Each structure stands twice: as structure tokens, then as C-alpha cells.
Amino acid sequence: MRKRLDTKLRFALTTILGVALILGIQLEALHAETTLFQRCQKKTFAKLGKISKPNKPMRIGVVLVTLSNPFWVSMKDGFEQAAKDFGAKIDIQAAPQENSVTAQLDILENMVAKGYDAIVAFTITDQNLIPGLAKANKKGIVVITDKRVDMKAAREAGANPIYLGLVDYYAQGKIGAKYIAKKLKKEGGGKVAIIEGLPGAPQSEARRDGARDVFNADQSLKLVSVQPGNWDRMTAYNITTNLLQANPDLKGIICANDIMALAAVEAIEAAGKKGRVTVVGIDLIPEAKEAIAKGQLAGSVAFSPFVIGELCTRTAVAAVMGKKIPKDLYVASVLATKSNINLLYDWK
């Protein structure tokens, strides 16, 4: 009898120890696990490599498109965080609106006159900052920009900025449109529309083209409209209202940013068609996160403007210190939907 009890006791203790060991391993793994946002940071920074902190503070100027959009505010926060990490002095300015092309050029030229060590500039159109970029090059200032700029025209004008890919805008349009196409295909297809941003803005055109190529390739879908929303909420609201009147059976809309996508959702609800039209945006701004969690907005193509700000600051510091800059620097894009929005709680 006692022998049986001893056997049972040893078995119980072994089981308890085994469970404790498994739980310990799982808890350790959970503690060590990084979030999707942190993995995005790590992957992005790895391509640039290790960067030493400069011996003296660098002066970096940053020209953004606008600070009236949460996307650019988040990027500003990323610039400021990285500047703090590297002890840099940073001056961040933006145009009053997303179509203020002349005002943005004035900001850049004023920064060039101040003689910063480096300037990071995000142009509104592919042409509007080229005169300022040329002046910066003539003055010997390190300039970082992205693929919004028409590099052929820039070089012809005497500008030679460090050109970063950063974001595949065409792929973003495809990601969002594919989600709509897949969802509507299950329902028998239907009519879809695209609300692009500002005509001439490279990111707007690339997102539009990516979405249009997906829609046109799907025989179950009919693309009924492609219109510019100019990145403006009211414009997008009015476009959506008119679209619904002309196409009462409209099933899907992709917008080139979340501001316009949220406006489209409002217009759909105002028309009494809540839940009948699938809307996808791009940027995953905080308001879009909330709308996705509530089931109002179907999705948003997310990439981190905060990490872009960090990466550009790191690139500026590295370039001034003479480090060779890789040509393939970019941040990843992911689709945020109600099914995974809880995994993106720290995304910024």
C-alpha cells in the first residue's frame, strides 16, 4: 500500500515539476518576445548598421509636409526621439497644409540659409522642393529625401540628395485593394472606387495605381470611379456622398490615407448604408485604430511614420559622419484589420 502511495506521490511531483518547467519556459519566452512594432524597428535599423554617437551635437533641419495630419505628427515624434538618442539639435517645420507647395519651399530655403549639418526633406510634389535641394547641395549640406522627388529633374537642377526608398506606396495600394477584392469576391463581387490624394503627389499616384491594378485584374469587380480627395476630409466626404448617389450598390472604397477613409465611413453612415460598403485606408493613424476596433473602418495599411523619423535621423547622422548609406532602406507595411488590431497596440 505504502509503495503504491510513494509511486503516486513521485508521479504527482514529477508532473508538477514538469508543468512548472513548461510554464517557466513560456513565461520567459513571453517576457523576451518583442512586439510587431519593436520588430519593425529592429529590422529597419539593422540595414543601416551600428551608428556611434557624434562627439559634438549635430544640427539637423527637417521639412515635413504638414503637422495637421497625425501621420506627420507621429513622424515628428520619431525624429525627436532619435535626435535625443544621438544628442542632435533638431529643427522640425512643416507647410501649413498638404498642398502648400510654395510655403514648403520657403521653409527649406530658410533652413539652407541657416547652414545645418544635414536636412531631411519630404516634398509635397515631385518637383516643388528641387530649387531648395539644389541650393543645399551647392552649400555642401547633407540632404536626405525619399522617392517622392523626381531624381532625374533634381540632378539636372544641380541637386544630389541621398535618396531613400522608405515606403513602397504602390505595394500599399495593392495590399489594401487585395483585402477589399478578397472580401467582395466571397460576396459575388461588385462595384468599387478609389479616392486618391493630391494629384501629382507621388505617394498618392502610386497608391492609386496599385489599387487600380488589383481592381482591374479582378473580373468580379467593376471600378466605377477614381477621384482625387486632395488628402482632405470634407472633399472625401463629398466624393463618397456623390458616389453613393450615383452607385447605390457600391461595395468597396479604398482611400489613399486614413483621413479620407474615415470621412468615407462617415458619409456611408449618413447615407444609411452602415456596414454595406467596405472601406480601407492607409497610414493607421490613432483615429483609424479606434474605428477598426469598433468595426467601422474595415482596415488600414500600416507602416510606422515614427520609425521613418527615427531612420531618417539615423541616416542623417551616419551620412554626416561619412558612413556609406545603403540604397534599400525601407520600413515594412502590414494590413491592420479587426482581427489583428489588438496586436498593434503600441504601433506609432
Protein backbone atom coordinates (compact mmCIF):
# COMPACT_ATOMS: atom_id res chain seq x y z
CA MET A 1 0.00 0.00 0.00
CA ARG A 2 2.74 2.39 1.03
CA LYS A 3 4.68 1.52 -2.10
CA ARG A 4 1.71 2.48 -4.25
CA LEU A 5 1.38 5.79 -2.38
CA ASP A 6 5.09 6.51 -2.88
CA THR A 7 4.73 5.81 -6.61
CA LYS A 8 1.71 8.10 -6.88
CA LEU A 9 3.50 10.82 -4.92
CA ARG A 10 6.58 10.62 -7.15
CA PHE A 11 4.33 10.77 -10.22
CA ALA A 12 2.47 13.81 -8.87
CA LEU A 13 5.70 15.62 -8.00
CA THR A 14 7.15 14.84 -11.42
CA THR A 15 4.01 16.17 -13.09
CA ILE A 16 4.02 19.36 -11.01
CA LEU A 17 7.72 19.97 -11.75
CA GLY A 18 7.14 19.33 -15.44
CA VAL A 19 4.24 21.78 -15.58
CA ALA A 20 6.26 24.37 -13.65
CA LEU A 21 9.16 23.96 -16.05
CA ILE A 22 6.90 24.40 -19.09
CA LEU A 23 5.21 27.45 -17.56
CA GLY A 24 8.62 28.89 -16.71
CA ILE A 25 9.81 28.48 -20.29
CA GLN A 26 6.59 30.00 -21.64
CA LEU A 27 6.77 32.97 -19.26
CA GLU A 28 10.41 33.55 -20.14
CA ALA A 29 9.56 33.43 -23.85
CA LEU A 30 6.64 35.82 -23.30
CA HIS A 31 8.90 38.20 -21.42
CA ALA A 32 11.52 38.05 -24.17
CA GLU A 33 9.04 38.41 -27.04
CA THR A 34 9.03 41.75 -28.84
CA THR A 35 6.01 43.45 -30.34
CA LEU A 36 5.40 43.82 -34.07
CA PHE A 37 6.36 47.48 -33.75
CA GLN A 38 9.64 46.65 -32.00
CA ARG A 39 10.47 44.01 -34.60
CA CYS A 40 9.82 46.60 -37.31
CA GLN A 41 12.28 48.97 -35.62
CA LYS A 42 14.96 46.31 -35.24
CA LYS A 43 14.66 45.10 -38.84
CA THR A 44 14.73 48.65 -40.21
CA PHE A 45 17.73 49.82 -38.21
CA ALA A 46 19.73 46.66 -38.93
CA LYS A 47 20.16 47.61 -42.59
CA LEU A 48 21.84 50.89 -41.70
CA GLY A 49 24.13 49.22 -39.17
CA LYS A 50 25.57 50.49 -35.93
CA ILE A 51 25.92 54.26 -35.61
CA SER A 52 28.14 55.87 -33.00
CA LYS A 53 27.00 58.95 -31.12
CA PRO A 54 28.79 62.05 -32.53
CA ASN A 55 31.40 63.77 -30.37
CA LYS A 56 29.57 67.08 -30.73
CA PRO A 57 25.84 67.78 -31.31
CA MET A 58 24.79 67.89 -34.95
CA ARG A 59 22.29 70.44 -36.23
CA ILE A 60 19.59 68.81 -38.32
CA GLY A 61 16.72 70.52 -40.12
CA VAL A 62 13.56 68.63 -41.06
CA VAL A 63 10.93 69.71 -43.59
CA LEU A 64 7.67 67.78 -43.33
CA VAL A 65 4.55 68.00 -45.47
CA THR A 66 2.17 69.15 -42.72
CA LEU A 67 1.51 68.80 -39.00
CA SER A 68 -2.28 68.85 -39.37
CA ASN A 69 -2.23 65.11 -40.12
CA PRO A 70 -1.48 62.65 -37.25
CA PHE A 71 0.75 60.67 -39.61
CA TRP A 72 3.26 63.52 -39.85
CA VAL A 73 2.94 64.27 -36.13
CA SER A 74 4.00 60.69 -35.38
CA MET A 75 6.95 61.06 -37.77
CA LYS A 76 7.92 64.27 -35.96
CA ASP A 77 7.94 62.32 -32.68
CA GLY A 78 10.26 59.75 -34.26
CA PHE A 79 12.67 62.46 -35.40
CA GLU A 80 12.70 63.96 -31.92
CA GLN A 81 13.29 60.61 -30.22
CA ALA A 82 16.22 59.72 -32.46
CA ALA A 83 17.67 63.24 -32.11
CA LYS A 84 17.57 62.76 -28.34
CA ASP A 85 19.26 59.36 -28.67
CA PHE A 86 22.14 60.84 -30.68
CA GLY A 87 22.38 64.19 -28.91
CA ALA A 88 21.43 66.14 -32.04
CA LYS A 89 19.77 69.55 -32.17
CA ILE A 90 16.76 69.30 -34.45
CA ASP A 91 14.52 71.91 -36.06
CA ILE A 92 11.28 70.46 -37.47
CA GLN A 93 8.96 72.56 -39.63
CA ALA A 94 6.08 71.83 -41.98
CA ALA A 95 3.88 73.52 -44.55
CA PRO A 96 0.55 74.88 -43.22
CA GLN A 97 -1.41 72.50 -45.48
CA GLU A 98 -0.70 69.41 -47.58
CA ASN A 99 -0.97 71.44 -50.78
CA SER A 100 1.14 74.46 -49.68
CA VAL A 101 3.92 73.82 -52.17
CA THR A 102 5.38 77.35 -52.21
CA ALA A 103 5.36 77.71 -48.43
CA GLN A 104 7.18 74.39 -48.09
CA LEU A 105 9.93 75.51 -50.48
CA ASP A 106 10.34 78.72 -48.45
CA ILE A 107 10.88 76.63 -45.30
CA LEU A 108 13.58 74.55 -46.98
CA GLU A 109 15.42 77.56 -48.40
CA ASN A 110 15.41 79.25 -44.98
CA MET A 111 16.94 76.12 -43.48
CA VAL A 112 19.61 76.05 -46.18
CA ALA A 113 20.48 79.66 -45.29
CA LYS A 114 20.98 78.65 -41.64
CA GLY A 115 23.66 76.13 -42.62
CA TYR A 116 22.56 72.94 -40.87
CA ASP A 117 24.82 69.88 -40.89
CA ALA A 118 22.02 67.93 -42.55
CA ILE A 119 18.47 68.49 -43.79
CA VAL A 120 15.77 65.86 -44.21
CA ALA A 121 13.03 66.96 -46.62
CA PHE A 122 9.74 65.32 -47.63
CA THR A 123 8.43 67.07 -50.71
CA ILE A 124 4.70 67.62 -51.39
CA THR A 125 5.02 67.03 -55.14
CA ASP A 126 7.90 65.52 -57.08
CA GLN A 127 9.12 68.99 -58.18
CA ASN A 128 8.36 71.71 -55.63
CA LEU A 129 11.47 71.38 -53.41
CA ILE A 130 14.03 70.88 -56.19
CA PRO A 131 15.28 74.51 -56.18
CA GLY A 132 15.95 74.29 -52.44
CA LEU A 133 17.64 70.90 -52.77
CA ALA A 134 19.97 72.37 -55.40
CA LYS A 135 20.88 75.29 -53.10
CA ALA A 136 21.61 72.85 -50.25
CA ASN A 137 23.91 70.82 -52.49
CA LYS A 138 25.77 73.96 -53.58
CA LYS A 139 26.31 74.84 -49.93
CA GLY A 140 27.61 71.35 -49.09
CA ILE A 141 24.76 70.39 -46.78
CA VAL A 142 23.91 66.70 -46.48
CA VAL A 143 20.32 66.25 -47.70
CA ILE A 144 18.13 63.19 -47.13
CA THR A 145 14.94 62.73 -49.13
CA ASP A 146 12.65 59.95 -50.31
CA LYS A 147 11.27 58.75 -53.62
CA ARG A 148 8.65 61.47 -53.81
CA VAL A 149 11.29 63.60 -55.53
CA ASP A 150 11.82 63.39 -59.31
CA MET A 151 15.50 62.49 -59.07
CA LYS A 152 16.18 63.00 -62.77
CA ALA A 153 14.89 66.58 -62.59
CA ALA A 154 16.69 67.12 -59.27
CA ARG A 155 20.07 66.09 -60.68
CA GLU A 156 19.54 68.19 -63.78
CA ALA A 157 18.96 71.17 -61.47
CA GLY A 158 22.19 70.51 -59.57
CA ALA A 159 20.76 68.66 -56.59
CA ASN A 160 22.17 65.35 -55.41
CA PRO A 161 20.33 64.29 -52.24
CA ILE A 162 20.68 60.93 -50.52
CA TYR A 163 17.64 59.12 -51.82
CA LEU A 164 15.82 56.62 -49.57
CA GLY A 165 13.05 54.27 -50.68
CA LEU A 166 11.44 54.17 -47.20
CA VAL A 167 7.96 53.09 -48.31
CA ASP A 168 6.63 51.09 -51.27
CA TYR A 169 3.50 53.14 -51.93
CA TYR A 170 2.44 51.04 -54.91
CA ALA A 171 2.54 47.91 -52.75
CA GLN A 172 0.41 49.67 -50.14
CA GLY A 173 -2.31 50.35 -52.69
CA LYS A 174 -2.20 46.70 -53.72
CA ILE A 175 -2.36 45.44 -50.12
CA GLY A 176 -5.47 47.48 -49.35
CA ALA A 177 -7.21 46.67 -52.63
CA LYS A 178 -6.48 42.96 -52.34
CA TYR A 179 -8.21 42.89 -48.97
CA ILE A 180 -11.32 44.51 -50.46
CA ALA A 181 -11.21 42.24 -53.52
CA LYS A 182 -10.91 39.07 -51.42
CA LYS A 183 -13.77 40.10 -49.16
CA LEU A 184 -16.10 41.11 -52.02
CA LYS A 185 -15.28 38.00 -54.05
CA LYS A 186 -16.88 35.92 -51.29
CA GLU A 187 -20.00 38.06 -51.72
CA GLY A 188 -20.10 37.79 -55.50
CA GLY A 189 -18.01 40.88 -56.31
CA GLY A 190 -19.42 44.32 -57.07
CA LYS A 191 -18.61 47.95 -57.72
CA VAL A 192 -15.56 49.60 -56.17
CA ALA A 193 -13.99 53.08 -56.15
CA ILE A 194 -10.69 54.77 -55.38
CA ILE A 195 -10.24 58.12 -53.63
CA GLU A 196 -6.66 59.20 -54.27
CA GLY A 197 -4.86 62.09 -52.58
CA LEU A 198 -3.37 65.18 -54.17
CA PRO A 199 -2.84 64.95 -57.96
CA GLY A 200 0.87 64.96 -58.70
CA ALA A 201 1.87 63.67 -55.25
CA PRO A 202 3.97 60.53 -55.91
CA GLN A 203 2.69 58.61 -52.88
CA SER A 204 -0.90 59.33 -53.91
CA GLU A 205 -0.37 58.26 -57.50
CA ALA A 206 1.48 55.09 -56.54
CA ARG A 207 -1.20 54.04 -54.05
CA ARG A 208 -3.88 54.78 -56.64
CA ASP A 209 -2.07 52.77 -59.31
CA GLY A 210 -1.52 49.79 -57.03
CA ALA A 211 -5.20 49.67 -56.07
CA ARG A 212 -6.38 50.22 -59.63
CA ASP A 213 -4.23 47.38 -60.96
CA VAL A 214 -5.71 44.98 -58.40
CA PHE A 215 -9.30 46.03 -59.08
CA ASN A 216 -8.92 45.93 -62.86
CA ALA A 217 -7.37 42.45 -62.70
CA ASP A 218 -10.36 41.01 -60.83
CA GLN A 219 -13.26 40.14 -63.14
CA SER A 220 -15.71 40.07 -60.23
CA LEU A 221 -15.11 43.77 -59.58
CA LYS A 222 -16.10 46.89 -61.51
CA LEU A 223 -14.07 50.03 -60.86
CA VAL A 224 -16.62 52.84 -61.25
CA SER A 225 -14.63 55.88 -60.09
CA VAL A 226 -11.14 57.22 -59.38
CA GLN A 227 -11.23 60.73 -57.91
CA PRO A 228 -8.75 62.99 -56.07
CA GLY A 229 -9.68 63.74 -52.47
CA ASN A 230 -6.68 66.10 -52.05
CA TRP A 231 -5.94 64.47 -48.65
CA ASP A 232 -8.93 66.49 -47.37
CA ARG A 233 -11.64 65.09 -45.10
CA MET A 234 -14.54 67.18 -46.40
CA THR A 235 -13.59 66.60 -50.02
CA ALA A 236 -13.53 62.83 -49.44
CA TYR A 237 -16.87 63.03 -47.60
CA ASN A 238 -18.49 64.81 -50.53
CA ILE A 239 -16.97 62.43 -53.08
CA THR A 240 -18.33 59.44 -51.15
CA THR A 241 -21.77 61.02 -50.85
CA ASN A 242 -21.91 61.59 -54.60
CA LEU A 243 -20.57 58.11 -55.33
CA LEU A 244 -23.33 56.52 -53.27
CA GLN A 245 -25.98 58.55 -55.06
CA ALA A 246 -24.63 57.57 -58.48
CA ASN A 247 -23.92 53.97 -57.45
CA PRO A 248 -26.36 52.83 -54.72
CA ASP A 249 -24.89 49.32 -54.95
CA LEU A 250 -21.28 50.41 -54.35
CA LYS A 251 -19.46 47.73 -52.33
CA GLY A 252 -15.94 48.99 -51.66
CA ILE A 253 -13.74 52.09 -51.43
CA ILE A 254 -10.00 52.37 -50.91
CA CYS A 255 -8.65 55.78 -49.87
CA ALA A 256 -5.05 56.96 -50.17
CA ASN A 257 -4.96 57.91 -46.50
CA ASP A 258 -6.95 57.35 -43.30
CA ILE A 259 -8.25 60.91 -43.04
CA MET A 260 -10.20 60.40 -46.26
CA ALA A 261 -11.16 56.82 -45.36
CA LEU A 262 -12.71 57.96 -42.07
CA ALA A 263 -14.63 60.65 -43.97
CA ALA A 264 -15.89 57.98 -46.37
CA VAL A 265 -17.13 55.92 -43.40
CA GLU A 266 -18.99 58.98 -42.07
CA ALA A 267 -20.61 59.61 -45.45
CA ILE A 268 -21.67 55.97 -45.73
CA GLU A 269 -23.28 56.06 -42.29
CA ALA A 270 -25.01 59.37 -43.10
CA ALA A 271 -26.46 57.75 -46.22
CA GLY A 272 -27.93 54.93 -44.14
CA LYS A 273 -25.56 52.32 -45.58
CA LYS A 274 -23.54 51.48 -42.48
CA GLY A 275 -21.77 48.14 -42.87
CA ARG A 276 -22.66 47.77 -46.55
CA VAL A 277 -19.50 49.33 -48.03
CA THR A 278 -16.02 48.05 -47.20
CA VAL A 279 -13.62 50.95 -46.67
CA VAL A 280 -9.83 50.65 -46.35
CA GLY A 281 -7.40 53.48 -45.65
CA ILE A 282 -3.63 53.83 -45.37
CA ASP A 283 -1.37 55.08 -42.52
CA LEU A 284 -3.06 53.60 -39.39
CA ILE A 285 -3.44 56.90 -37.56
CA PRO A 286 -4.85 56.67 -33.98
CA GLU A 287 -8.39 57.54 -35.07
CA ALA A 288 -8.25 54.76 -37.65
CA LYS A 289 -7.11 52.29 -34.98
CA GLU A 290 -10.21 53.10 -32.94
CA ALA A 291 -12.51 52.87 -35.95
CA ILE A 292 -11.09 49.46 -36.90
CA ALA A 293 -11.51 48.15 -33.35
CA LYS A 294 -15.15 49.29 -33.42
CA GLY A 295 -15.75 47.66 -36.80
CA GLN A 296 -16.42 50.98 -38.57
CA LEU A 297 -13.33 51.02 -40.80
CA ALA A 298 -12.50 47.66 -42.41
CA GLY A 299 -8.76 48.15 -42.44
CA SER A 300 -5.71 50.35 -42.85
CA VAL A 301 -2.34 49.63 -44.44
CA ALA A 302 0.09 50.35 -41.63
CA PHE A 303 3.69 51.44 -41.78
CA SER A 304 5.37 53.32 -38.99
CA PRO A 305 5.93 57.05 -39.55
CA PHE A 306 7.62 57.10 -36.13
CA VAL A 307 10.22 54.60 -37.37
CA ILE A 308 10.65 56.60 -40.58
CA GLY A 309 11.51 59.63 -38.46
CA GLU A 310 13.99 57.59 -36.45
CA LEU A 311 15.54 56.04 -39.56
CA CYS A 312 15.94 59.37 -41.35
CA THR A 313 17.62 60.93 -38.30
CA ARG A 314 19.97 57.96 -38.03
CA THR A 315 20.72 58.25 -41.76
CA ALA A 316 21.48 61.96 -41.44
CA VAL A 317 23.85 61.36 -38.52
CA ALA A 318 25.56 58.48 -40.34
CA ALA A 319 25.94 60.46 -43.58
CA VAL A 320 27.47 63.48 -41.87
CA MET A 321 29.95 61.12 -40.18
CA GLY A 322 30.91 59.73 -43.60
CA LYS A 323 29.16 56.37 -43.40
CA LYS A 324 28.03 54.82 -46.71
CA ILE A 325 24.23 54.73 -46.86
CA PRO A 326 22.53 51.60 -48.27
CA LYS A 327 20.09 52.20 -51.11
CA ASP A 328 17.43 49.75 -49.93
CA LEU A 329 16.40 51.32 -46.60
CA TYR A 330 12.67 50.85 -46.07
CA VAL A 331 10.03 50.13 -43.46
CA ALA A 332 7.58 47.25 -43.75
CA SER A 333 3.84 47.66 -44.42
CA VAL A 334 1.21 45.48 -42.76
CA LEU A 335 -2.57 45.37 -43.06
CA ALA A 336 -4.40 46.22 -39.84
CA THR A 337 -7.92 44.78 -39.51
CA LYS A 338 -10.25 43.98 -36.63
CA SER A 339 -8.71 40.51 -36.41
CA ASN A 340 -5.21 41.76 -35.58
CA ILE A 341 -5.68 45.31 -34.27
CA ASN A 342 -5.08 44.10 -30.71
CA LEU A 343 -1.57 43.06 -31.76
CA LEU A 344 -0.76 46.60 -32.88
CA TYR A 345 -1.45 48.37 -29.58
CA ASP A 346 1.98 50.06 -29.47
CA TRP A 347 2.16 50.91 -33.19
CA LYS A 348 3.05 54.53 -33.85
